[in-house]
Amino acid sequence: MDKSNYTFIKATPADAESVLAAYRSIVGTPGCSWNEYYPNEESVNHSIENGSQYLLHNESGELVAMCCCGYGDEIDDPLFAWQLELENPCYFGGMGVLPKFQGKGIAKHMVTLIIEEAVRRGYDGAVALVAVKNEFAQKAYREFGFSVTGQAEYYGQDYYLYETKFRK
């Protein structure tokens, strides 16, 4: 995969419709815990408005992947017993690669870019909820030093709590 052929950007309100369509295209693929109710217009708009929605486009301008990086309510939710002692953690969520681009190393590239962005923004580590059934995401996060530190049920699904501390 030639990484120079991809553009990593922060989403804007003009991207909301295409981001939601992209998320919806992933529903039903192996490992995906999303459904027709989530992600939804409200959650996508919220991520864009708070500056946490990031996009990856290929050289043709097609949206190939997206992920959120920033503060998430999940960080402070007592349901999740986060283990790492982080002073300024960010939440990684909504990581998705559109079906026709899966299996090409894009998820790994996206995680690399999201970690670089989180460090640039001053975060000292990250937490993520990863569906127990999503072996693809688990592998991607483990390859970047994330560890499973717990498990929780959330919206009727089982999730692993993944955490990492960034190296300075």
Protein backbone atom coordinates (compact mmCIF):
# COMPACT_ATOMS: atom_id res chain seq x y z
CA MET A 1 0.00 0.00 0.00
CA ASP A 2 1.44 3.34 -1.05
CA LYS A 3 0.60 5.60 1.90
CA SER A 4 1.37 8.75 -0.09
CA ASN A 5 -1.78 8.17 -2.15
CA TYR A 6 -4.06 8.88 0.83
CA THR A 7 -5.25 12.12 2.37
CA PHE A 8 -6.05 12.31 6.10
CA ILE A 9 -8.36 15.17 7.09
CA LYS A 10 -10.63 16.36 9.87
CA ALA A 11 -14.26 16.10 8.76
CA THR A 12 -16.37 19.22 8.25
CA PRO A 13 -20.16 19.63 8.34
CA ALA A 14 -20.16 19.25 4.55
CA ASP A 15 -18.87 15.68 5.02
CA ALA A 16 -21.68 14.54 7.33
CA GLU A 17 -23.87 12.89 4.71
CA SER A 18 -21.03 10.92 3.13
CA VAL A 19 -19.67 9.88 6.53
CA LEU A 20 -23.07 8.54 7.60
CA ALA A 21 -23.45 6.70 4.28
CA ALA A 22 -19.99 5.19 4.76
CA TYR A 23 -20.82 3.99 8.27
CA ARG A 24 -24.09 2.50 7.02
CA SER A 25 -22.22 0.62 4.26
CA ILE A 26 -20.22 -1.21 6.92
CA VAL A 27 -23.26 -2.41 8.91
CA GLY A 28 -23.60 -6.18 8.49
CA THR A 29 -19.97 -6.84 7.55
CA PRO A 30 -18.02 -9.43 9.58
CA GLY A 31 -17.20 -8.18 13.08
CA CYS A 32 -19.28 -5.00 12.82
CA SER A 33 -21.32 -4.22 15.94
CA TRP A 34 -23.19 -1.29 14.37
CA ASN A 35 -26.80 -1.46 13.23
CA GLU A 36 -29.50 0.64 11.56
CA TYR A 37 -29.74 2.84 14.67
CA TYR A 38 -26.07 3.59 15.24
CA PRO A 39 -24.05 5.35 13.98
CA ASN A 40 -26.76 7.85 13.17
CA GLU A 41 -27.06 11.43 11.95
CA GLU A 42 -26.88 12.80 15.50
CA SER A 43 -23.72 10.88 16.43
CA VAL A 44 -21.95 11.77 13.17
CA ASN A 45 -22.85 15.46 13.49
CA HIS A 46 -21.70 15.45 17.13
CA SER A 47 -18.31 13.94 16.19
CA ILE A 48 -17.84 16.48 13.44
CA GLU A 49 -18.94 19.43 15.59
CA ASN A 50 -16.57 18.53 18.42
CA GLY A 51 -13.65 18.09 16.01
CA SER A 52 -13.09 14.40 16.58
CA GLN A 53 -14.16 12.87 13.22
CA TYR A 54 -11.30 12.09 10.85
CA LEU A 55 -11.42 10.79 7.30
CA LEU A 56 -9.07 9.01 4.94
CA HIS A 57 -9.51 9.52 1.18
CA ASN A 58 -7.69 7.76 -1.64
CA GLU A 59 -6.05 9.47 -4.61
CA SER A 60 -9.42 9.49 -6.43
CA GLY A 61 -11.00 11.40 -3.54
CA GLU A 62 -13.08 8.44 -2.41
CA LEU A 63 -13.72 8.08 1.31
CA VAL A 64 -12.06 4.81 2.33
CA ALA A 65 -11.97 4.97 6.15
CA MET A 66 -13.00 7.04 9.15
CA CYS A 67 -12.32 7.18 12.87
CA CYS A 68 -13.00 9.44 15.81
CA CYS A 69 -10.21 10.70 18.04
CA GLY A 70 -10.92 13.01 20.94
CA TYR A 71 -12.91 13.27 24.10
CA GLY A 72 -15.73 10.76 24.39
CA ASP A 73 -18.31 10.29 27.12
CA GLU A 74 -17.01 6.73 27.39
CA ILE A 75 -13.87 8.05 29.11
CA ASP A 76 -15.79 9.15 32.21
CA ASP A 77 -18.59 6.56 32.13
CA PRO A 78 -18.41 4.45 35.32
CA LEU A 79 -19.59 1.45 33.27
CA PHE A 80 -16.08 1.20 31.88
CA ALA A 81 -13.38 0.37 34.40
CA TRP A 82 -10.41 1.84 32.54
CA GLN A 83 -7.14 0.66 34.10
CA LEU A 84 -4.36 2.89 32.80
CA GLU A 85 -3.52 6.02 34.70
CA LEU A 86 -3.66 8.56 31.92
CA GLU A 87 -3.69 12.29 32.58
CA ASN A 88 -5.26 13.22 29.24
CA PRO A 89 -6.73 10.18 27.46
CA CYS A 90 -8.55 10.34 24.17
CA TYR A 91 -11.23 8.02 22.94
CA PHE A 92 -10.85 6.18 19.65
CA GLY A 93 -14.18 5.14 18.20
CA GLY A 94 -16.11 4.70 15.00
CA MET A 95 -13.14 3.13 13.24
CA GLY A 96 -14.31 1.78 9.92
CA VAL A 97 -12.97 0.86 6.52
CA LEU A 98 -15.48 0.76 3.68
CA PRO A 99 -16.10 -2.81 2.48
CA LYS A 100 -14.50 -2.51 -0.96
CA PHE A 101 -11.27 -1.25 0.64
CA GLN A 102 -11.01 -3.82 3.45
CA GLY A 103 -8.08 -6.24 3.57
CA LYS A 104 -5.62 -3.76 2.04
CA GLY A 105 -3.82 -2.47 5.15
CA ILE A 106 -5.95 0.67 5.37
CA ALA A 107 -7.03 0.07 8.98
CA LYS A 108 -3.40 -0.16 10.05
CA HIS A 109 -2.58 3.05 8.18
CA MET A 110 -5.60 4.80 9.73
CA VAL A 111 -4.62 3.76 13.28
CA THR A 112 -1.09 5.09 12.65
CA LEU A 113 -2.50 8.43 11.51
CA ILE A 114 -4.98 8.64 14.39
CA ILE A 115 -2.25 7.96 16.97
CA GLU A 116 -0.03 10.63 15.39
CA GLU A 117 -2.96 13.09 15.51
CA ALA A 118 -3.73 12.23 19.14
CA VAL A 119 -0.11 12.80 20.17
CA ARG A 120 -0.02 16.07 18.20
CA ARG A 121 -3.15 17.18 20.07
CA GLY A 122 -1.49 16.48 23.44
CA TYR A 123 -3.16 13.24 24.48
CA ASP A 124 -1.01 10.87 26.55
CA GLY A 125 -2.89 7.70 25.65
CA ALA A 126 -6.07 6.27 24.23
CA VAL A 127 -8.97 4.05 25.17
CA ALA A 128 -11.28 2.18 22.80
CA LEU A 129 -14.26 -0.11 23.01
CA VAL A 130 -13.84 -3.03 20.61
CA ALA A 131 -16.64 -5.51 20.03
CA VAL A 132 -15.74 -9.00 21.21
CA LYS A 133 -16.86 -10.30 17.81
CA ASN A 134 -14.63 -7.83 15.89
CA GLU A 135 -11.40 -9.77 15.52
CA PHE A 136 -10.20 -7.42 12.77
CA ALA A 137 -10.25 -4.36 15.04
CA GLN A 138 -8.76 -6.31 17.94
CA LYS A 139 -5.79 -7.29 15.78
CA ALA A 140 -5.28 -3.73 14.54
CA TYR A 141 -5.26 -2.26 18.04
CA ARG A 142 -3.00 -4.99 19.48
CA GLU A 143 -0.45 -4.34 16.74
CA PHE A 144 -0.18 -0.78 18.05
CA GLY A 145 0.40 -1.71 21.68
CA PHE A 146 -3.17 -1.56 22.94
CA SER A 147 -3.97 -4.05 25.70
CA VAL A 148 -7.28 -5.50 26.83
CA THR A 149 -7.88 -4.20 30.35
CA GLY A 150 -11.48 -5.24 30.85
CA GLN A 151 -14.79 -6.16 29.35
CA ALA A 152 -18.22 -4.52 29.45
CA GLU A 153 -21.69 -4.89 28.02
CA TYR A 154 -22.84 -1.79 26.19
CA TYR A 155 -26.10 -1.43 24.27
CA GLY A 156 -26.61 -5.19 24.47
CA GLN A 157 -23.22 -6.15 23.04
CA ASP A 158 -20.01 -7.36 24.63
CA TYR A 159 -16.94 -5.15 24.27
CA TYR A 160 -13.30 -5.36 25.27
CA LEU A 161 -11.77 -2.28 26.82
CA TYR A 162 -8.55 -1.55 24.95
CA GLU A 163 -6.04 0.96 26.31
CA THR A 164 -2.58 2.25 25.53
CA LYS A 165 -0.20 4.89 26.79
CA PHE A 166 1.60 6.81 24.06
CA ARG A 167 5.39 6.86 24.03
CA LYS A 168 6.94 10.30 24.07
